[in-house]
Amino acid sequence: MSFQQDLKGKVLVVQVLGESNYEFTAEFFEHVLARCNSENLGVVLDFSQTDFLSSSLMGQILALKSSVEQAELPMGLVNPNTMMRRYLEITGLAVHFKVFDNSDEAVSGI
């Protein structure tokens, strides 16, 4: 798994590629959080090219959400897969995330 990032104004758009694993999760979280905090950026996580999300990555997404909220920065999700949507619904967390169909909508909507 890897990720690509693109800066659109004051929003960091991060596209998560492939399947997540434990090693990727820690690197992903640390990098995205550090960049958002140091540059005062909102974040959009784009899952349109993601095949599988591990439970550890889901946990890091929730931790990232908490951290960006504390910094009063916006966050949105793009095209989460069926499993991720179901997880968010079952846990009651769906109401805490803005979900968009594409990154351009997310950047303007967060």
PDB file of N, CA and C in Angstrom:
ATOM      1  N   MET A   1       0.841  -1.176   0.000  1.00  0.00           N
ATOM      2  CA  MET A   1       0.000   0.000   0.000  1.00  0.00           C
ATOM      3  C   MET A   1       0.880   1.230   0.000  1.00  0.00           C
ATOM      4  N   SER A   2       0.368   2.244  -0.635  1.00  0.00           N
ATOM      5  CA  SER A   2       1.068   3.516  -0.673  1.00  0.00           C
ATOM      6  C   SER A   2       0.037   4.638  -0.696  1.00  0.00           C
ATOM      7  N   PHE A   3       0.526   5.854  -0.715  1.00  0.00           N
ATOM      8  CA  PHE A   3      -0.388   6.976  -0.833  1.00  0.00           C
ATOM      9  C   PHE A   3       0.256   8.070  -1.660  1.00  0.00           C
ATOM     10  N   GLN A   4      -0.597   8.827  -2.320  1.00  0.00           N
ATOM     11  CA  GLN A   4      -0.179  10.001  -3.073  1.00  0.00           C
ATOM     12  C   GLN A   4      -0.869  11.194  -2.455  1.00  0.00           C
ATOM     13  N   GLN A   5      -0.202  12.328  -2.522  1.00  0.00           N
ATOM     14  CA  GLN A   5      -0.796  13.531  -1.941  1.00  0.00           C
ATOM     15  C   GLN A   5      -0.719  14.689  -2.909  1.00  0.00           C
ATOM     16  N   ASP A   6      -1.705  15.551  -2.764  1.00  0.00           N
ATOM     17  CA  ASP A   6      -1.800  16.720  -3.627  1.00  0.00           C
ATOM     18  C   ASP A   6      -2.338  17.855  -2.773  1.00  0.00           C
ATOM     19  N   LEU A   7      -1.726  19.005  -2.873  1.00  0.00           N
ATOM     20  CA  LEU A   7      -2.184  20.170  -2.126  1.00  0.00           C
ATOM     21  C   LEU A   7      -3.110  20.994  -3.007  1.00  0.00           C
ATOM     22  N   LYS A   8      -4.344  21.159  -2.545  1.00  0.00           N
ATOM     23  CA  LYS A   8      -5.325  21.974  -3.264  1.00  0.00           C
ATOM     24  C   LYS A   8      -5.747  23.105  -2.340  1.00  0.00           C
ATOM     25  N   GLY A   9      -5.115  24.252  -2.534  1.00  0.00           N
ATOM     26  CA  GLY A   9      -5.370  25.371  -1.633  1.00  0.00           C
ATOM     27  C   GLY A   9      -4.857  25.040  -0.245  1.00  0.00           C
ATOM     28  N   LYS A  10      -5.733  25.088   0.745  1.00  0.00           N
ATOM     29  CA  LYS A  10      -5.376  24.774   2.130  1.00  0.00           C
ATOM     30  C   LYS A  10      -5.876  23.390   2.536  1.00  0.00           C
ATOM     31  N   VAL A  11      -5.998  22.489   1.540  1.00  0.00           N
ATOM     32  CA  VAL A  11      -6.472  21.132   1.812  1.00  0.00           C
ATOM     33  C   VAL A  11      -5.472  20.131   1.236  1.00  0.00           C
ATOM     34  N   LEU A  12      -5.053  19.203   2.075  1.00  0.00           N
ATOM     35  CA  LEU A  12      -4.186  18.115   1.641  1.00  0.00           C
ATOM     36  C   LEU A  12      -5.078  16.952   1.208  1.00  0.00           C
ATOM     37  N   VAL A  13      -5.010  16.602  -0.073  1.00  0.00           N
ATOM     38  CA  VAL A  13      -5.783  15.471  -0.596  1.00  0.00           C
ATOM     39  C   VAL A  13      -4.838  14.275  -0.643  1.00  0.00           C
ATOM     40  N   VAL A  14      -5.194  13.224   0.104  1.00  0.00           N
ATOM     41  CA  VAL A  14      -4.365  12.030   0.192  1.00  0.00           C
ATOM     42  C   VAL A  14      -5.131  10.863  -0.425  1.00  0.00           C
ATOM     43  N   GLN A  15      -4.575  10.306  -1.494  1.00  0.00           N
ATOM     44  CA  GLN A  15      -5.193   9.156  -2.141  1.00  0.00           C
ATOM     45  C   GLN A  15      -4.506   7.900  -1.619  1.00  0.00           C
ATOM     46  N   VAL A  16      -5.290   7.020  -1.006  1.00  0.00           N
ATOM     47  CA  VAL A  16      -4.784   5.769  -0.442  1.00  0.00           C
ATOM     48  C   VAL A  16      -4.875   4.705  -1.529  1.00  0.00           C
ATOM     49  N   LEU A  17      -3.737   4.077  -1.849  1.00  0.00           N
ATOM     50  CA  LEU A  17      -3.657   3.153  -2.976  1.00  0.00           C
ATOM     51  C   LEU A  17      -3.409   1.720  -2.508  1.00  0.00           C
ATOM     52  N   GLY A  18      -4.175   0.776  -3.036  1.00  0.00           N
ATOM     53  CA  GLY A  18      -3.934  -0.641  -2.771  1.00  0.00           C
ATOM     54  C   GLY A  18      -4.567  -1.130  -1.486  1.00  0.00           C
ATOM     55  N   GLU A  19      -3.851  -2.034  -0.784  1.00  0.00           N
ATOM     56  CA  GLU A  19      -4.329  -2.642   0.455  1.00  0.00           C
ATOM     57  C   GLU A  19      -3.491  -2.144   1.623  1.00  0.00           C
ATOM     58  N   SER A  20      -4.154  -1.860   2.733  1.00  0.00           N
ATOM     59  CA  SER A  20      -3.425  -1.366   3.903  1.00  0.00           C
ATOM     60  C   SER A  20      -2.811  -2.522   4.687  1.00  0.00           C
ATOM     61  N   ASN A  21      -1.717  -2.229   5.364  1.00  0.00           N
ATOM     62  CA  ASN A  21      -1.107  -3.175   6.290  1.00  0.00           C
ATOM     63  C   ASN A  21      -0.586  -2.399   7.485  1.00  0.00           C
ATOM     64  N   TYR A  22      -0.100  -3.110   8.485  1.00  0.00           N
ATOM     65  CA  TYR A  22       0.299  -2.472   9.731  1.00  0.00           C
ATOM     66  C   TYR A  22       1.425  -1.449   9.541  1.00  0.00           C
ATOM     67  N   GLU A  23       2.447  -1.811   8.756  1.00  0.00           N
ATOM     68  CA  GLU A  23       3.580  -0.907   8.552  1.00  0.00           C
ATOM     69  C   GLU A  23       3.134   0.390   7.889  1.00  0.00           C
ATOM     70  N   PHE A  24       2.266   0.270   6.907  1.00  0.00           N
ATOM     71  CA  PHE A  24       1.772   1.438   6.195  1.00  0.00           C
ATOM     72  C   PHE A  24       0.999   2.356   7.126  1.00  0.00           C
ATOM     73  N   THR A  25       0.211   1.780   8.009  1.00  0.00           N
ATOM     74  CA  THR A  25      -0.695   2.548   8.853  1.00  0.00           C
ATOM     75  C   THR A  25       0.041   3.575   9.701  1.00  0.00           C
ATOM     76  N   ALA A  26       1.098   3.172  10.363  1.00  0.00           N
ATOM     77  CA  ALA A  26       1.832   4.102  11.235  1.00  0.00           C
ATOM     78  C   ALA A  26       2.468   5.226  10.423  1.00  0.00           C
ATOM     79  N   GLU A  27       3.095   4.877   9.308  1.00  0.00           N
ATOM     80  CA  GLU A  27       3.734   5.884   8.456  1.00  0.00           C
ATOM     81  C   GLU A  27       2.701   6.867   7.915  1.00  0.00           C
ATOM     82  N   PHE A  28       1.584   6.347   7.464  1.00  0.00           N
ATOM     83  CA  PHE A  28       0.509   7.153   6.909  1.00  0.00           C
ATOM     84  C   PHE A  28       0.016   8.180   7.932  1.00  0.00           C
ATOM     85  N   PHE A  29      -0.328   7.703   9.108  1.00  0.00           N
ATOM     86  CA  PHE A  29      -0.877   8.568  10.146  1.00  0.00           C
ATOM     87  C   PHE A  29       0.114   9.665  10.530  1.00  0.00           C
ATOM     88  N   GLU A  30       1.352   9.272  10.801  1.00  0.00           N
ATOM     89  CA  GLU A  30       2.357  10.240  11.226  1.00  0.00           C
ATOM     90  C   GLU A  30       2.601  11.306  10.165  1.00  0.00           C
ATOM     91  N   HIS A  31       2.704  10.888   8.922  1.00  0.00           N
ATOM     92  CA  HIS A  31       2.978  11.831   7.843  1.00  0.00           C
ATOM     93  C   HIS A  31       1.819  12.814   7.646  1.00  0.00           C
ATOM     94  N   VAL A  32       0.613  12.283   7.542  1.00  0.00           N
ATOM     95  CA  VAL A  32      -0.545  13.143   7.263  1.00  0.00           C
ATOM     96  C   VAL A  32      -0.782  14.097   8.420  1.00  0.00           C
ATOM     97  N   LEU A  33      -0.745  13.596   9.633  1.00  0.00           N
ATOM     98  CA  LEU A  33      -0.979  14.457  10.796  1.00  0.00           C
ATOM     99  C   LEU A  33       0.095  15.529  10.917  1.00  0.00           C
ATOM    100  N   ALA A  34       1.354  15.169  10.737  1.00  0.00           N
ATOM    101  CA  ALA A  34       2.431  16.146  10.841  1.00  0.00           C
ATOM    102  C   ALA A  34       2.282  17.245   9.788  1.00  0.00           C
ATOM    103  N   ARG A  35       1.967  16.859   8.580  1.00  0.00           N
ATOM    104  CA  ARG A  35       1.836  17.866   7.514  1.00  0.00           C
ATOM    105  C   ARG A  35       0.631  18.771   7.767  1.00  0.00           C
ATOM    106  N   CYS A  36      -0.485  18.196   8.156  1.00  0.00           N
ATOM    107  CA  CYS A  36      -1.677  19.020   8.413  1.00  0.00           C
ATOM    108  C   CYS A  36      -1.427  19.995   9.551  1.00  0.00           C
ATOM    109  N   ASN A  37      -0.808  19.522  10.626  1.00  0.00           N
ATOM    110  CA  ASN A  37      -0.546  20.392  11.768  1.00  0.00           C
ATOM    111  C   ASN A  37       0.484  21.466  11.446  1.00  0.00           C
ATOM    112  N   SER A  38       1.565  21.105  10.767  1.00  0.00           N
ATOM    113  CA  SER A  38       2.628  22.078  10.514  1.00  0.00           C
ATOM    114  C   SER A  38       2.219  23.134   9.492  1.00  0.00           C
ATOM    115  N   GLU A  39       1.346  22.763   8.560  1.00  0.00           N
ATOM    116  CA  GLU A  39       0.946  23.707   7.521  1.00  0.00           C
ATOM    117  C   GLU A  39      -0.490  24.211   7.685  1.00  0.00           C
ATOM    118  N   ASN A  40      -1.137  23.811   8.814  1.00  0.00           N
ATOM    119  CA  ASN A  40      -2.517  24.219   9.096  1.00  0.00           C
ATOM    120  C   ASN A  40      -3.452  23.884   7.929  1.00  0.00           C
ATOM    121  N   LEU A  41      -3.442  22.605   7.538  1.00  0.00           N
ATOM    122  CA  LEU A  41      -4.213  22.145   6.389  1.00  0.00           C
ATOM    123  C   LEU A  41      -5.384  21.271   6.798  1.00  0.00           C
ATOM    124  N   GLY A  42      -6.491  21.416   6.070  1.00  0.00           N
ATOM    125  CA  GLY A  42      -7.551  20.437   6.159  1.00  0.00           C
ATOM    126  C   GLY A  42      -7.093  19.197   5.414  1.00  0.00           C
ATOM    127  N   VAL A  43      -7.827  18.092   5.584  1.00  0.00           N
ATOM    128  CA  VAL A  43      -7.419  16.853   4.926  1.00  0.00           C
ATOM    129  C   VAL A  43      -8.619  16.150   4.305  1.00  0.00           C
ATOM    130  N   VAL A  44      -8.392  15.634   3.107  1.00  0.00           N
ATOM    131  CA  VAL A  44      -9.362  14.791   2.409  1.00  0.00           C
ATOM    132  C   VAL A  44      -8.669  13.467   2.145  1.00  0.00           C
ATOM    133  N   LEU A  45      -9.267  12.385   2.620  1.00  0.00           N
ATOM    134  CA  LEU A  45      -8.742  11.048   2.367  1.00  0.00           C
ATOM    135  C   LEU A  45      -9.557  10.424   1.245  1.00  0.00           C
ATOM    136  N   ASP A  46      -8.886  10.101   0.157  1.00  0.00           N
ATOM    137  CA  ASP A  46      -9.544   9.565  -1.042  1.00  0.00           C
ATOM    138  C   ASP A  46      -9.297   8.061  -1.120  1.00  0.00           C
ATOM    139  N   PHE A  47     -10.371   7.294  -1.038  1.00  0.00           N
ATOM    140  CA  PHE A  47     -10.288   5.832  -1.037  1.00  0.00           C
ATOM    141  C   PHE A  47     -10.739   5.214  -2.363  1.00  0.00           C
ATOM    142  N   SER A  48     -10.794   6.012  -3.415  1.00  0.00           N
ATOM    143  CA  SER A  48     -11.290   5.500  -4.692  1.00  0.00           C
ATOM    144  C   SER A  48     -10.371   4.445  -5.302  1.00  0.00           C
ATOM    145  N   GLN A  49      -9.098   4.402  -4.901  1.00  0.00           N
ATOM    146  CA  GLN A  49      -8.155   3.401  -5.414  1.00  0.00           C
ATOM    147  C   GLN A  49      -7.700   2.430  -4.322  1.00  0.00           C
ATOM    148  N   THR A  50      -8.512   2.286  -3.273  1.00  0.00           N
ATOM    149  CA  THR A  50      -8.162   1.418  -2.155  1.00  0.00           C
ATOM    150  C   THR A  50      -8.884   0.092  -2.291  1.00  0.00           C
ATOM    151  N   ASP A  51      -8.124  -1.004  -2.181  1.00  0.00           N
ATOM    152  CA  ASP A  51      -8.700  -2.343  -2.302  1.00  0.00           C
ATOM    153  C   ASP A  51      -9.166  -2.899  -0.962  1.00  0.00           C
ATOM    154  N   PHE A  52      -8.416  -2.633   0.103  1.00  0.00           N
ATOM    155  CA  PHE A  52      -8.728  -3.201   1.408  1.00  0.00           C
ATOM    156  C   PHE A  52      -8.245  -2.257   2.496  1.00  0.00           C
ATOM    157  N   LEU A  53      -9.063  -2.087   3.521  1.00  0.00           N
ATOM    158  CA  LEU A  53      -8.699  -1.274   4.680  1.00  0.00           C
ATOM    159  C   LEU A  53      -8.584  -2.170   5.903  1.00  0.00           C
ATOM    160  N   SER A  54      -7.428  -2.190   6.526  1.00  0.00           N
ATOM    161  CA  SER A  54      -7.253  -2.981   7.739  1.00  0.00           C
ATOM    162  C   SER A  54      -7.918  -2.278   8.918  1.00  0.00           C
ATOM    163  N   SER A  55      -8.151  -3.039   9.972  1.00  0.00           N
ATOM    164  CA  SER A  55      -8.738  -2.439  11.177  1.00  0.00           C
ATOM    165  C   SER A  55      -7.775  -1.427  11.785  1.00  0.00           C
ATOM    166  N   SER A  56      -6.464  -1.643  11.641  1.00  0.00           N
ATOM    167  CA  SER A  56      -5.507  -0.673  12.185  1.00  0.00           C
ATOM    168  C   SER A  56      -5.583   0.648  11.433  1.00  0.00           C
ATOM    169  N   LEU A  57      -5.798   0.609  10.119  1.00  0.00           N
ATOM    170  CA  LEU A  57      -5.947   1.853   9.364  1.00  0.00           C
ATOM    171  C   LEU A  57      -7.247   2.551   9.743  1.00  0.00           C
ATOM    172  N   MET A  58      -8.311   1.793   9.951  1.00  0.00           N
ATOM    173  CA  MET A  58      -9.571   2.404  10.395  1.00  0.00           C
ATOM    174  C   MET A  58      -9.359   3.132  11.725  1.00  0.00           C
ATOM    175  N   GLY A  59      -8.628   2.502  12.617  1.00  0.00           N
ATOM    176  CA  GLY A  59      -8.336   3.139  13.902  1.00  0.00           C
ATOM    177  C   GLY A  59      -7.540   4.418  13.733  1.00  0.00           C
ATOM    178  N   GLN A  60      -6.583   4.414  12.822  1.00  0.00           N
ATOM    179  CA  GLN A  60      -5.775   5.607  12.580  1.00  0.00           C
ATOM    180  C   GLN A  60      -6.589   6.718  11.925  1.00  0.00           C
ATOM    181  N   ILE A  61      -7.544   6.346  11.089  1.00  0.00           N
ATOM    182  CA  ILE A  61      -8.428   7.353  10.480  1.00  0.00           C
ATOM    183  C   ILE A  61      -9.245   8.041  11.568  1.00  0.00           C
ATOM    184  N   LEU A  62      -9.719   7.259  12.533  1.00  0.00           N
ATOM    185  CA  LEU A  62     -10.474   7.840  13.647  1.00  0.00           C
ATOM    186  C   LEU A  62      -9.579   8.735  14.505  1.00  0.00           C
ATOM    187  N   ALA A  63      -8.342   8.307  14.737  1.00  0.00           N
ATOM    188  CA  ALA A  63      -7.404   9.119  15.507  1.00  0.00           C
ATOM    189  C   ALA A  63      -7.072  10.410  14.758  1.00  0.00           C
ATOM    190  N   LEU A  64      -6.909  10.306  13.450  1.00  0.00           N
ATOM    191  CA  LEU A  64      -6.636  11.489  12.634  1.00  0.00           C
ATOM    192  C   LEU A  64      -7.808  12.459  12.703  1.00  0.00           C
ATOM    193  N   LYS A  65      -9.021  11.930  12.625  1.00  0.00           N
ATOM    194  CA  LYS A  65     -10.222  12.762  12.710  1.00  0.00           C
ATOM    195  C   LYS A  65     -10.223  13.525  14.037  1.00  0.00           C
ATOM    196  N   SER A  66      -9.929  12.842  15.110  1.00  0.00           N
ATOM    197  CA  SER A  66      -9.896  13.479  16.428  1.00  0.00           C
ATOM    198  C   SER A  66      -8.829  14.568  16.481  1.00  0.00           C
ATOM    199  N   SER A  67      -7.660  14.288  15.933  1.00  0.00           N
ATOM    200  CA  SER A  67      -6.558  15.254  15.961  1.00  0.00           C
ATOM    201  C   SER A  67      -6.849  16.492  15.123  1.00  0.00           C
ATOM    202  N   VAL A  68      -7.402  16.307  13.937  1.00  0.00           N
ATOM    203  CA  VAL A  68      -7.681  17.484  13.105  1.00  0.00           C
ATOM    204  C   VAL A  68      -8.831  18.301  13.692  1.00  0.00           C
ATOM    205  N   GLU A  69      -9.777  17.634  14.351  1.00  0.00           N
ATOM    206  CA  GLU A  69     -10.854  18.380  15.014  1.00  0.00           C
ATOM    207  C   GLU A  69     -10.298  19.230  16.147  1.00  0.00           C
ATOM    208  N   GLN A  70      -9.368  18.677  16.920  1.00  0.00           N
ATOM    209  CA  GLN A  70      -8.761  19.440  18.015  1.00  0.00           C
ATOM    210  C   GLN A  70      -8.038  20.667  17.485  1.00  0.00           C
ATOM    211  N   ALA A  71      -7.454  20.548  16.309  1.00  0.00           N
ATOM    212  CA  ALA A  71      -6.756  21.676  15.682  1.00  0.00           C
ATOM    213  C   ALA A  71      -7.722  22.562  14.895  1.00  0.00           C
ATOM    214  N   GLU A  72      -9.008  22.239  14.957  1.00  0.00           N
ATOM    215  CA  GLU A  72     -10.068  22.966  14.250  1.00  0.00           C
ATOM    216  C   GLU A  72      -9.824  23.011  12.742  1.00  0.00           C
ATOM    217  N   LEU A  73      -9.386  21.879  12.206  1.00  0.00           N
ATOM    218  CA  LEU A  73      -9.164  21.726  10.772  1.00  0.00           C
ATOM    219  C   LEU A  73     -10.246  20.811  10.199  1.00  0.00           C
ATOM    220  N   PRO A  74     -10.650  21.036   8.956  1.00  0.00           N
ATOM    221  CA  PRO A  74     -11.701  20.204   8.367  1.00  0.00           C
ATOM    222  C   PRO A  74     -11.140  18.887   7.819  1.00  0.00           C
ATOM    223  N   MET A  75     -12.039  17.889   7.723  1.00  0.00           N
ATOM    224  CA  MET A  75     -11.657  16.585   7.185  1.00  0.00           C
ATOM    225  C   MET A  75     -12.829  15.989   6.438  1.00  0.00           C
ATOM    226  N   GLY A  76     -12.530  15.312   5.340  1.00  0.00           N
ATOM    227  CA  GLY A  76     -13.567  14.624   4.577  1.00  0.00           C
ATOM    228  C   GLY A  76     -13.042  13.326   3.998  1.00  0.00           C
ATOM    229  N   LEU A  77     -13.966  12.447   3.630  1.00  0.00           N
ATOM    230  CA  LEU A  77     -13.640  11.162   3.020  1.00  0.00           C
ATOM    231  C   LEU A  77     -14.218  11.123   1.615  1.00  0.00           C
ATOM    232  N   VAL A  78     -13.461  10.548   0.691  1.00  0.00           N
ATOM    233  CA  VAL A  78     -13.924  10.397  -0.680  1.00  0.00           C
ATOM    234  C   VAL A  78     -14.050   8.918  -1.003  1.00  0.00           C
ATOM    235  N   ASN A  79     -15.221   8.553  -1.489  1.00  0.00           N
ATOM    236  CA  ASN A  79     -15.475   7.229  -2.029  1.00  0.00           C
ATOM    237  C   ASN A  79     -15.011   6.081  -1.132  1.00  0.00           C
ATOM    238  N   PRO A  80     -15.404   6.069   0.149  1.00  0.00           N
ATOM    239  CA  PRO A  80     -15.040   4.918   0.980  1.00  0.00           C
ATOM    240  C   PRO A  80     -15.743   3.667   0.460  1.00  0.00           C
ATOM    241  N   ASN A  81     -15.056   2.530   0.525  1.00  0.00           N
ATOM    242  CA  ASN A  81     -15.651   1.300  -0.003  1.00  0.00           C
ATOM    243  C   ASN A  81     -16.790   0.812   0.897  1.00  0.00           C
ATOM    244  N   THR A  82     -17.461  -0.221   0.444  1.00  0.00           N
ATOM    245  CA  THR A  82     -18.631  -0.748   1.155  1.00  0.00           C
ATOM    246  C   THR A  82     -18.285  -1.166   2.575  1.00  0.00           C
ATOM    247  N   MET A  83     -17.132  -1.835   2.741  1.00  0.00           N
ATOM    248  CA  MET A  83     -16.737  -2.287   4.071  1.00  0.00           C
ATOM    249  C   MET A  83     -16.528  -1.109   5.015  1.00  0.00           C
ATOM    250  N   MET A  84     -15.866  -0.076   4.542  1.00  0.00           N
ATOM    251  CA  MET A  84     -15.615   1.101   5.387  1.00  0.00           C
ATOM    252  C   MET A  84     -16.922   1.812   5.731  1.00  0.00           C
ATOM    253  N   ARG A  85     -17.794   1.962   4.742  1.00  0.00           N
ATOM    254  CA  ARG A  85     -19.088   2.600   5.022  1.00  0.00           C
ATOM    255  C   ARG A  85     -19.870   1.804   6.073  1.00  0.00           C
ATOM    256  N   ARG A  86     -19.840   0.488   5.941  1.00  0.00           N
ATOM    257  CA  ARG A  86     -20.568  -0.375   6.887  1.00  0.00           C
ATOM    258  C   ARG A  86     -19.977  -0.241   8.288  1.00  0.00           C
ATOM    259  N   TYR A  87     -18.652  -0.231   8.378  1.00  0.00           N
ATOM    260  CA  TYR A  87     -17.987  -0.067   9.669  1.00  0.00           C
ATOM    261  C   TYR A  87     -18.408   1.243  10.328  1.00  0.00           C
ATOM    262  N   LEU A  88     -18.411   2.320   9.557  1.00  0.00           N
ATOM    263  CA  LEU A  88     -18.797   3.618  10.098  1.00  0.00           C
ATOM    264  C   LEU A  88     -20.256   3.629  10.539  1.00  0.00           C
ATOM    265  N   GLU A  89     -21.122   2.945   9.788  1.00  0.00           N
ATOM    266  CA  GLU A  89     -22.536   2.876  10.157  1.00  0.00           C
ATOM    267  C   GLU A  89     -22.739   2.060  11.425  1.00  0.00           C
ATOM    268  N   ILE A  90     -22.133   0.875  11.490  1.00  0.00           N
ATOM    269  CA  ILE A  90     -22.310  -0.019  12.642  1.00  0.00           C
ATOM    270  C   ILE A  90     -21.818   0.635  13.928  1.00  0.00           C
ATOM    271  N   THR A  91     -20.702   1.329  13.854  1.00  0.00           N
ATOM    272  CA  THR A  91     -20.120   1.944  15.048  1.00  0.00           C
ATOM    273  C   THR A  91     -20.762   3.287  15.397  1.00  0.00           C
ATOM    274  N   GLY A  92     -21.626   3.782  14.527  1.00  0.00           N
ATOM    275  CA  GLY A  92     -22.257   5.071  14.767  1.00  0.00           C
ATOM    276  C   GLY A  92     -21.379   6.258  14.415  1.00  0.00           C
ATOM    277  N   LEU A  93     -20.263   5.995  13.755  1.00  0.00           N
ATOM    278  CA  LEU A  93     -19.315   7.066  13.432  1.00  0.00           C
ATOM    279  C   LEU A  93     -19.620   7.760  12.110  1.00  0.00           C
ATOM    280  N   ALA A  94     -20.539   7.227  11.342  1.00  0.00           N
ATOM    281  CA  ALA A  94     -20.838   7.804  10.022  1.00  0.00           C
ATOM    282  C   ALA A  94     -21.253   9.269  10.126  1.00  0.00           C
ATOM    283  N   VAL A  95     -21.929   9.625  11.191  1.00  0.00           N
ATOM    284  CA  VAL A  95     -22.397  11.007  11.340  1.00  0.00           C
ATOM    285  C   VAL A  95     -21.254  11.985  11.602  1.00  0.00           C
ATOM    286  N   HIS A  96     -20.062  11.473  11.925  1.00  0.00           N
ATOM    287  CA  HIS A  96     -18.920  12.337  12.234  1.00  0.00           C
ATOM    288  C   HIS A  96     -18.038  12.642  11.030  1.00  0.00           C
ATOM    289  N   PHE A  97     -18.345  12.036   9.892  1.00  0.00           N
ATOM    290  CA  PHE A  97     -17.531  12.227   8.694  1.00  0.00           C
ATOM    291  C   PHE A  97     -18.361  12.799   7.567  1.00  0.00           C
ATOM    292  N   LYS A  98     -17.780  13.752   6.857  1.00  0.00           N
ATOM    293  CA  LYS A  98     -18.371  14.226   5.615  1.00  0.00           C
ATOM    294  C   LYS A  98     -17.845  13.314   4.515  1.00  0.00           C
ATOM    295  N   VAL A  99     -18.763  12.736   3.733  1.00  0.00           N
ATOM    296  CA  VAL A  99     -18.389  11.792   2.689  1.00  0.00           C
ATOM    297  C   VAL A  99     -18.776  12.379   1.334  1.00  0.00           C
ATOM    298  N   PHE A 100     -17.854  12.291   0.379  1.00  0.00           N
ATOM    299  CA  PHE A 100     -18.048  12.882  -0.943  1.00  0.00           C
ATOM    300  C   PHE A 100     -17.776  11.849  -2.026  1.00  0.00           C
ATOM    301  N   ASP A 101     -18.291  12.126  -3.220  1.00  0.00           N
ATOM    302  CA  ASP A 101     -18.097  11.227  -4.358  1.00  0.00           C
ATOM    303  C   ASP A 101     -16.759  11.434  -5.053  1.00  0.00           C
ATOM    304  N   ASN A 102     -16.193  12.637  -4.980  1.00  0.00           N
ATOM    305  CA  ASN A 102     -14.896  12.881  -5.604  1.00  0.00           C
ATOM    306  C   ASN A 102     -14.135  13.948  -4.810  1.00  0.00           C
ATOM    307  N   SER A 103     -12.843  14.042  -5.095  1.00  0.00           N
ATOM    308  CA  SER A 103     -12.004  14.940  -4.295  1.00  0.00           C
ATOM    309  C   SER A 103     -12.306  16.414  -4.523  1.00  0.00           C
ATOM    310  N   ASP A 104     -12.726  16.784  -5.719  1.00  0.00           N
ATOM    311  CA  ASP A 104     -13.064  18.195  -5.961  1.00  0.00           C
ATOM    312  C   ASP A 104     -14.259  18.628  -5.114  1.00  0.00           C
ATOM    313  N   GLU A 105     -15.267  17.766  -5.023  1.00  0.00           N
ATOM    314  CA  GLU A 105     -16.421  18.050  -4.148  1.00  0.00           C
ATOM    315  C   GLU A 105     -15.969  18.161  -2.704  1.00  0.00           C
ATOM    316  N   ALA A 106     -15.076  17.255  -2.300  1.00  0.00           N
ATOM    317  CA  ALA A 106     -14.611  17.244  -0.909  1.00  0.00           C
ATOM    318  C   ALA A 106     -13.847  18.512  -0.562  1.00  0.00           C
ATOM    319  N   VAL A 107     -12.955  18.912  -1.434  1.00  0.00           N
ATOM    320  CA  VAL A 107     -12.149  20.118  -1.170  1.00  0.00           C
ATOM    321  C   VAL A 107     -13.041  21.332  -1.002  1.00  0.00           C
ATOM    322  N   SER A 108     -14.074  21.461  -1.840  1.00  0.00           N
ATOM    323  CA  SER A 108     -14.966  22.618  -1.722  1.00  0.00           C
ATOM    324  C   SER A 108     -16.002  22.426  -0.613  1.00  0.00           C
ATOM    325  N   GLY A 109     -16.248  21.183  -0.196  1.00  0.00           N
ATOM    326  CA  GLY A 109     -17.308  20.908   0.773  1.00  0.00           C
ATOM    327  C   GLY A 109     -16.896  20.820   2.215  1.00  0.00           C
ATOM    328  N   ILE A 110     -15.587  20.728   2.467  1.00  0.00           N
ATOM    329  CA  ILE A 110     -15.181  20.637   3.866  1.00  0.00           C
ATOM    330  C   ILE A 110     -14.920  22.015   4.405  1.00  0.00           C
TER     331      ILE A 110
END
